[in-house]
N, C-alpha and C. Protein backbone atom coordinates (compact mmCIF):
# COMPACT_ATOMS: atom_id res chain seq x y z
N MET A 1 67.04 -48.40 -65.54
CA MET A 1 65.92 -49.12 -64.97
C MET A 1 65.28 -48.24 -63.89
N GLY A 2 63.96 -48.29 -63.78
CA GLY A 2 63.24 -47.51 -62.79
C GLY A 2 63.39 -48.05 -61.39
N LYS A 3 62.89 -47.32 -60.47
CA LYS A 3 62.93 -47.73 -59.06
C LYS A 3 61.87 -48.80 -58.81
N VAL A 4 62.23 -49.82 -58.02
CA VAL A 4 61.36 -50.97 -57.82
C VAL A 4 61.07 -51.17 -56.34
N SER A 5 59.80 -51.46 -56.04
CA SER A 5 59.38 -51.93 -54.72
C SER A 5 58.96 -53.37 -54.84
N VAL A 6 59.25 -54.15 -53.82
CA VAL A 6 58.71 -55.50 -53.71
C VAL A 6 57.64 -55.43 -52.62
N CYS A 7 56.43 -55.85 -52.95
CA CYS A 7 55.29 -55.78 -52.04
C CYS A 7 54.86 -57.19 -51.66
N ILE A 8 54.86 -57.44 -50.35
CA ILE A 8 54.58 -58.78 -49.82
C ILE A 8 53.42 -58.72 -48.84
N PRO A 9 52.25 -59.24 -49.23
CA PRO A 9 51.19 -59.41 -48.24
C PRO A 9 51.45 -60.69 -47.47
N THR A 10 51.14 -60.71 -46.18
CA THR A 10 51.40 -61.92 -45.40
C THR A 10 50.33 -62.15 -44.35
N TYR A 11 50.15 -63.42 -44.03
CA TYR A 11 49.27 -63.83 -42.94
C TYR A 11 49.73 -65.21 -42.47
N ASN A 12 50.21 -65.28 -41.24
CA ASN A 12 50.64 -66.54 -40.63
C ASN A 12 51.65 -67.31 -41.49
N GLN A 13 52.66 -66.61 -41.95
CA GLN A 13 53.70 -67.23 -42.79
C GLN A 13 55.08 -67.11 -42.16
N SER A 14 55.16 -67.17 -40.84
CA SER A 14 56.44 -66.96 -40.15
C SER A 14 57.52 -67.95 -40.60
N ALA A 15 57.13 -69.14 -41.00
CA ALA A 15 58.12 -70.14 -41.41
C ALA A 15 58.79 -69.80 -42.74
N TYR A 16 58.15 -68.99 -43.56
CA TYR A 16 58.65 -68.72 -44.92
C TYR A 16 59.05 -67.27 -45.15
N LEU A 17 58.61 -66.38 -44.30
CA LEU A 17 58.74 -64.94 -44.55
C LEU A 17 60.18 -64.48 -44.67
N SER A 18 61.07 -64.95 -43.81
CA SER A 18 62.48 -64.53 -43.87
C SER A 18 63.10 -64.85 -45.23
N ALA A 19 62.85 -66.03 -45.72
CA ALA A 19 63.41 -66.43 -47.01
C ALA A 19 62.87 -65.56 -48.14
N ALA A 20 61.59 -65.22 -48.08
CA ALA A 20 60.99 -64.36 -49.12
C ALA A 20 61.62 -62.98 -49.10
N VAL A 21 61.76 -62.39 -47.91
CA VAL A 21 62.35 -61.04 -47.80
C VAL A 21 63.81 -61.06 -48.22
N GLU A 22 64.56 -62.04 -47.77
CA GLU A 22 65.97 -62.15 -48.16
C GLU A 22 66.11 -62.29 -49.67
N SER A 23 65.22 -63.05 -50.30
CA SER A 23 65.30 -63.20 -51.76
C SER A 23 65.04 -61.88 -52.46
N ALA A 24 64.19 -61.03 -51.88
CA ALA A 24 63.91 -59.72 -52.47
C ALA A 24 65.13 -58.81 -52.37
N PHE A 25 65.78 -58.80 -51.22
CA PHE A 25 66.93 -57.92 -51.03
C PHE A 25 68.20 -58.45 -51.68
N ASN A 26 68.23 -59.72 -52.09
CA ASN A 26 69.42 -60.30 -52.71
C ASN A 26 69.38 -60.28 -54.24
N GLN A 27 68.59 -59.43 -54.80
CA GLN A 27 68.51 -59.30 -56.26
C GLN A 27 69.72 -58.53 -56.80
N THR A 28 70.08 -58.80 -58.05
CA THR A 28 71.14 -58.04 -58.70
C THR A 28 70.79 -56.57 -58.71
N GLN A 29 69.55 -56.25 -59.08
CA GLN A 29 69.01 -54.88 -59.01
C GLN A 29 68.19 -54.82 -57.73
N GLN A 30 68.78 -54.32 -56.66
CA GLN A 30 68.08 -54.30 -55.38
C GLN A 30 66.90 -53.35 -55.40
N PRO A 31 65.82 -53.73 -54.74
CA PRO A 31 64.66 -52.85 -54.66
C PRO A 31 64.96 -51.64 -53.77
N ILE A 32 64.28 -50.55 -54.03
CA ILE A 32 64.39 -49.38 -53.18
C ILE A 32 63.78 -49.68 -51.82
N GLU A 33 62.71 -50.45 -51.83
CA GLU A 33 62.01 -50.78 -50.60
C GLU A 33 61.33 -52.13 -50.75
N VAL A 34 61.13 -52.77 -49.63
CA VAL A 34 60.29 -53.96 -49.56
C VAL A 34 59.18 -53.62 -48.58
N CYS A 35 57.95 -53.70 -49.05
CA CYS A 35 56.77 -53.36 -48.25
C CYS A 35 56.07 -54.65 -47.85
N ILE A 36 55.73 -54.74 -46.58
CA ILE A 36 55.02 -55.92 -46.08
C ILE A 36 53.80 -55.46 -45.31
N ALA A 37 52.65 -56.04 -45.63
CA ALA A 37 51.43 -55.82 -44.88
C ALA A 37 51.05 -57.13 -44.20
N ASP A 38 51.09 -57.13 -42.88
CA ASP A 38 50.73 -58.30 -42.08
C ASP A 38 49.25 -58.22 -41.73
N ASP A 39 48.49 -59.20 -42.18
CA ASP A 39 47.04 -59.19 -42.01
C ASP A 39 46.62 -59.74 -40.65
N CYS A 40 47.21 -59.19 -39.59
CA CYS A 40 46.85 -59.54 -38.21
C CYS A 40 47.17 -61.02 -37.92
N SER A 41 48.41 -61.42 -38.24
CA SER A 41 48.83 -62.80 -38.03
C SER A 41 48.75 -63.20 -36.56
N THR A 42 48.51 -64.49 -36.33
CA THR A 42 48.42 -65.02 -34.98
C THR A 42 49.59 -65.94 -34.63
N ASP A 43 50.53 -66.10 -35.57
CA ASP A 43 51.71 -66.92 -35.31
C ASP A 43 52.89 -65.99 -34.98
N ALA A 44 54.10 -66.41 -35.22
CA ALA A 44 55.30 -65.64 -34.89
C ALA A 44 55.68 -64.64 -35.98
N THR A 45 54.79 -64.34 -36.90
CA THR A 45 55.09 -63.40 -37.99
C THR A 45 55.56 -62.05 -37.46
N GLY A 46 54.92 -61.52 -36.44
CA GLY A 46 55.32 -60.23 -35.88
C GLY A 46 56.76 -60.22 -35.40
N GLN A 47 57.18 -61.27 -34.73
CA GLN A 47 58.56 -61.39 -34.24
C GLN A 47 59.53 -61.48 -35.41
N VAL A 48 59.19 -62.26 -36.42
CA VAL A 48 60.03 -62.38 -37.61
C VAL A 48 60.19 -61.02 -38.28
N LEU A 49 59.10 -60.27 -38.38
CA LEU A 49 59.15 -58.95 -39.02
C LEU A 49 60.02 -57.98 -38.23
N THR A 50 59.96 -58.03 -36.92
CA THR A 50 60.80 -57.16 -36.09
C THR A 50 62.28 -57.47 -36.34
N GLU A 51 62.62 -58.75 -36.40
CA GLU A 51 64.00 -59.15 -36.66
C GLU A 51 64.45 -58.73 -38.06
N LEU A 52 63.57 -58.89 -39.05
CA LEU A 52 63.92 -58.50 -40.42
C LEU A 52 64.09 -57.00 -40.55
N GLN A 53 63.25 -56.23 -39.88
CA GLN A 53 63.36 -54.78 -39.97
C GLN A 53 64.67 -54.28 -39.37
N ALA A 54 65.18 -54.95 -38.36
CA ALA A 54 66.47 -54.59 -37.77
C ALA A 54 67.61 -54.84 -38.75
N ARG A 55 67.48 -55.85 -39.59
CA ARG A 55 68.53 -56.20 -40.56
C ARG A 55 68.43 -55.42 -41.86
N TYR A 56 67.22 -55.03 -42.25
CA TYR A 56 66.99 -54.39 -43.55
C TYR A 56 66.29 -53.04 -43.36
N PRO A 57 67.05 -51.94 -43.42
CA PRO A 57 66.43 -50.62 -43.21
C PRO A 57 65.43 -50.24 -44.30
N GLY A 58 65.48 -50.86 -45.45
CA GLY A 58 64.54 -50.57 -46.53
C GLY A 58 63.22 -51.32 -46.41
N LEU A 59 62.99 -51.95 -45.27
CA LEU A 59 61.78 -52.73 -45.05
C LEU A 59 60.71 -51.85 -44.41
N LEU A 60 59.58 -51.73 -45.09
CA LEU A 60 58.45 -50.96 -44.57
C LEU A 60 57.36 -51.92 -44.13
N LEU A 61 56.83 -51.72 -42.93
CA LEU A 61 55.85 -52.64 -42.37
C LEU A 61 54.52 -51.96 -42.10
N LEU A 62 53.46 -52.71 -42.33
CA LEU A 62 52.11 -52.30 -41.96
C LEU A 62 51.48 -53.49 -41.24
N LYS A 63 51.05 -53.27 -40.01
CA LYS A 63 50.37 -54.32 -39.23
C LYS A 63 48.90 -53.95 -39.19
N GLN A 64 48.07 -54.77 -39.83
CA GLN A 64 46.64 -54.52 -39.82
C GLN A 64 46.10 -54.69 -38.40
N GLU A 65 45.16 -53.86 -38.02
CA GLU A 65 44.56 -53.93 -36.68
C GLU A 65 43.54 -55.06 -36.57
N GLN A 66 42.98 -55.45 -37.71
CA GLN A 66 42.08 -56.60 -37.77
C GLN A 66 42.31 -57.30 -39.09
N ASN A 67 41.96 -58.58 -39.15
CA ASN A 67 42.15 -59.35 -40.37
C ASN A 67 41.22 -58.83 -41.45
N LEU A 68 41.80 -58.40 -42.58
CA LEU A 68 41.04 -57.82 -43.68
C LEU A 68 40.73 -58.82 -44.78
N GLY A 69 41.47 -59.92 -44.83
CA GLY A 69 41.35 -60.86 -45.93
C GLY A 69 42.38 -60.54 -47.00
N ILE A 70 42.64 -61.49 -47.86
CA ILE A 70 43.72 -61.37 -48.84
C ILE A 70 43.56 -60.19 -49.79
N SER A 71 42.39 -59.96 -50.32
CA SER A 71 42.21 -58.89 -51.31
C SER A 71 42.51 -57.52 -50.71
N ALA A 72 41.93 -57.22 -49.57
CA ALA A 72 42.16 -55.92 -48.94
C ALA A 72 43.60 -55.77 -48.47
N ASN A 73 44.20 -56.86 -47.99
CA ASN A 73 45.59 -56.77 -47.55
C ASN A 73 46.54 -56.56 -48.73
N VAL A 74 46.25 -57.20 -49.86
CA VAL A 74 47.06 -56.96 -51.06
C VAL A 74 46.93 -55.51 -51.50
N ASN A 75 45.72 -54.99 -51.53
CA ASN A 75 45.53 -53.58 -51.89
C ASN A 75 46.30 -52.66 -50.95
N ALA A 76 46.30 -52.98 -49.66
CA ALA A 76 47.01 -52.16 -48.68
C ALA A 76 48.51 -52.17 -48.93
N VAL A 77 49.08 -53.35 -49.18
CA VAL A 77 50.54 -53.41 -49.38
C VAL A 77 50.94 -52.73 -50.70
N LEU A 78 50.12 -52.86 -51.72
CA LEU A 78 50.44 -52.20 -52.99
C LEU A 78 50.39 -50.68 -52.84
N SER A 79 49.50 -50.18 -52.02
CA SER A 79 49.40 -48.73 -51.83
C SER A 79 50.54 -48.18 -50.99
N MET A 80 51.30 -49.02 -50.33
CA MET A 80 52.46 -48.57 -49.56
C MET A 80 53.62 -48.16 -50.46
N SER A 81 53.68 -48.70 -51.64
CA SER A 81 54.81 -48.46 -52.54
C SER A 81 54.92 -47.00 -52.94
N ARG A 82 56.18 -46.52 -53.00
CA ARG A 82 56.45 -45.15 -53.41
C ARG A 82 57.27 -45.11 -54.71
N THR A 83 57.28 -46.21 -55.43
CA THR A 83 58.14 -46.30 -56.61
C THR A 83 57.33 -46.46 -57.89
N GLU A 84 58.04 -46.37 -58.99
CA GLU A 84 57.42 -46.46 -60.31
C GLU A 84 56.97 -47.89 -60.64
N TYR A 85 57.74 -48.87 -60.20
CA TYR A 85 57.46 -50.26 -60.52
C TYR A 85 57.27 -51.08 -59.24
N ILE A 86 56.39 -52.08 -59.33
CA ILE A 86 56.08 -52.94 -58.19
C ILE A 86 56.23 -54.40 -58.61
N VAL A 87 56.87 -55.16 -57.75
CA VAL A 87 56.89 -56.62 -57.86
C VAL A 87 56.07 -57.14 -56.68
N ARG A 88 55.03 -57.89 -56.96
CA ARG A 88 54.22 -58.48 -55.89
C ARG A 88 54.74 -59.88 -55.63
N LEU A 89 55.04 -60.15 -54.37
CA LEU A 89 55.61 -61.44 -53.99
C LEU A 89 54.81 -62.02 -52.83
N ASP A 90 54.34 -63.25 -52.98
CA ASP A 90 53.68 -63.92 -51.86
C ASP A 90 54.72 -64.26 -50.81
N SER A 91 54.31 -64.28 -49.54
CA SER A 91 55.26 -64.45 -48.45
C SER A 91 55.79 -65.88 -48.32
N ASP A 92 55.29 -66.79 -49.11
CA ASP A 92 55.84 -68.16 -49.12
C ASP A 92 56.51 -68.48 -50.45
N ASP A 93 56.88 -67.44 -51.19
CA ASP A 93 57.57 -67.60 -52.48
C ASP A 93 58.93 -66.93 -52.43
N LEU A 94 59.76 -67.19 -53.43
CA LEU A 94 61.09 -66.60 -53.53
C LEU A 94 61.28 -65.93 -54.88
N LEU A 95 62.08 -64.89 -54.90
CA LEU A 95 62.54 -64.30 -56.17
C LEU A 95 63.92 -64.86 -56.47
N LEU A 96 64.12 -65.32 -57.67
CA LEU A 96 65.44 -65.77 -58.08
C LEU A 96 66.25 -64.57 -58.53
N SER A 97 67.53 -64.57 -58.22
CA SER A 97 68.36 -63.41 -58.59
C SER A 97 68.90 -63.55 -59.99
């Protein structure tokens, strides 16, 4: 199987983001990296991401300097991937293992 990245665009999803990231890293075939692009969230998303990055060294973060909107933020997170295959995951969804 090829190398896989999980790409998660997010905006103001602090209540759900930890569960989404944990579901990505708890797969039978673990991803090489999990990429997250935060679209300039105004809630506790930044704090959640800092805590997650301390626990998961394969977590790559991009903090947008201004809100770009969903389409541009999705494009940004997809371009972060360095692998052959990408799984796109919304920050309020889970991957089943």
